[in-house]
Amino acid sequence: MTNFYYQSYTSNYFNKKWYKNTYNLNLKDEELLNHFLNIGHKKNFNPSLYFETKWYKEQYKLNPTINPLEHFCKNIFNKNIKPNS
């Protein structure tokens, strides 16, 4: 699953350097995406400047168990879906 984000054109929506510095995380680079997928989204951390986690969850009325970035990537071709306000 992790490779999907790095290999797709949606990878701009997860910026590991930005994520690590913004939330002052003491993690290895290879651990950052996993952190967001399992912990960060629950804390409403944004994975990059281009994706607003809290807004996205509210806009698309996501169940709290659904990861918003994963939802976005699965629905990227829906022209009505946006990653931020």
Protein backbone atom coordinates (compact mmCIF):
# COMPACT_ATOMS: atom_id res chain seq x y z
CA MET A 1 0.00 0.00 0.00
CA THR A 2 2.76 2.48 0.84
CA ASN A 3 4.30 2.30 -2.63
CA PHE A 4 1.02 3.36 -4.22
CA TYR A 5 1.40 6.90 -2.92
CA TYR A 6 4.98 7.25 -4.09
CA GLN A 7 4.43 5.77 -7.53
CA SER A 8 1.28 7.65 -8.46
CA TYR A 9 0.93 11.24 -9.57
CA THR A 10 -1.00 11.91 -6.37
CA SER A 11 2.26 11.66 -4.40
CA ASN A 12 2.29 15.47 -4.20
CA TYR A 13 -0.42 15.07 -1.62
CA PHE A 14 2.02 13.43 0.77
CA ASN A 15 5.21 15.38 1.29
CA LYS A 16 7.37 13.60 3.82
CA LYS A 17 9.74 16.51 4.45
CA TRP A 18 6.85 18.94 5.00
CA TYR A 19 4.95 16.43 7.17
CA LYS A 20 7.97 15.62 9.33
CA ASN A 21 8.90 19.28 9.89
CA THR A 22 5.36 20.60 10.37
CA TYR A 23 4.53 18.10 13.11
CA ASN A 24 8.06 17.84 14.51
CA LEU A 25 8.14 14.06 14.12
CA ASN A 26 11.20 12.12 15.15
CA LEU A 27 10.68 9.33 12.61
CA LYS A 28 12.67 7.87 9.75
CA ASP A 29 11.54 9.02 6.32
CA GLU A 30 10.26 5.55 5.46
CA GLU A 31 8.01 5.62 8.57
CA LEU A 32 6.26 8.91 7.81
CA LEU A 33 3.61 7.74 5.38
CA ASN A 34 2.73 4.85 7.67
CA HIS A 35 2.42 7.35 10.53
CA PHE A 36 -0.04 9.45 8.56
CA LEU A 37 -2.06 6.46 7.38
CA ASN A 38 -2.41 5.02 10.89
CA ILE A 39 -2.12 7.96 13.30
CA GLY A 40 -1.78 11.35 11.63
CA HIS A 41 -5.13 11.45 9.88
CA LYS A 42 -6.87 10.64 13.18
CA LYS A 43 -5.20 13.74 14.66
CA ASN A 44 -6.23 15.79 11.60
CA PHE A 45 -2.62 16.21 10.53
CA ASN A 46 -2.32 17.35 6.92
CA PRO A 47 -0.03 15.22 4.74
CA SER A 48 1.09 18.26 2.71
CA LEU A 49 0.23 21.85 1.91
CA TYR A 50 -2.13 20.59 -0.77
CA PHE A 51 -4.37 18.36 1.30
CA GLU A 52 -6.58 19.55 4.19
CA THR A 53 -7.44 16.51 6.27
CA LYS A 54 -10.10 17.99 8.55
CA TRP A 55 -11.82 19.87 5.73
CA TYR A 56 -11.80 16.77 3.53
CA LYS A 57 -13.33 14.58 6.23
CA GLU A 58 -16.10 17.11 6.84
CA GLN A 59 -16.71 17.90 3.17
CA TYR A 60 -17.14 14.27 2.16
CA LYS A 61 -18.68 13.09 5.46
CA LEU A 62 -16.18 10.30 5.91
CA ASN A 63 -16.55 7.63 8.52
CA PRO A 64 -13.76 8.18 11.12
CA THR A 65 -12.24 4.82 10.21
CA ILE A 66 -11.62 5.91 6.60
CA ASN A 67 -8.29 7.49 5.81
CA PRO A 68 -9.02 10.68 3.84
CA LEU A 69 -5.87 10.55 1.69
CA GLU A 70 -6.57 6.96 0.73
CA HIS A 71 -10.18 7.91 -0.07
CA PHE A 72 -8.97 10.78 -2.24
CA CYS A 73 -6.51 8.57 -4.15
CA LYS A 74 -9.19 5.98 -4.83
CA ASN A 75 -11.55 8.69 -6.12
CA ILE A 76 -9.03 10.93 -7.89
CA PHE A 77 -10.79 10.66 -11.25
CA ASN A 78 -14.06 11.96 -9.84
CA LYS A 79 -14.08 15.55 -11.10
CA ASN A 80 -16.18 16.68 -8.14
CA ILE A 81 -13.64 15.65 -5.53
CA LYS A 82 -11.10 18.15 -4.23
CA PRO A 83 -8.22 17.77 -1.71
CA ASN A 84 -8.76 21.15 -0.07
CA SER A 85 -11.01 24.17 0.21
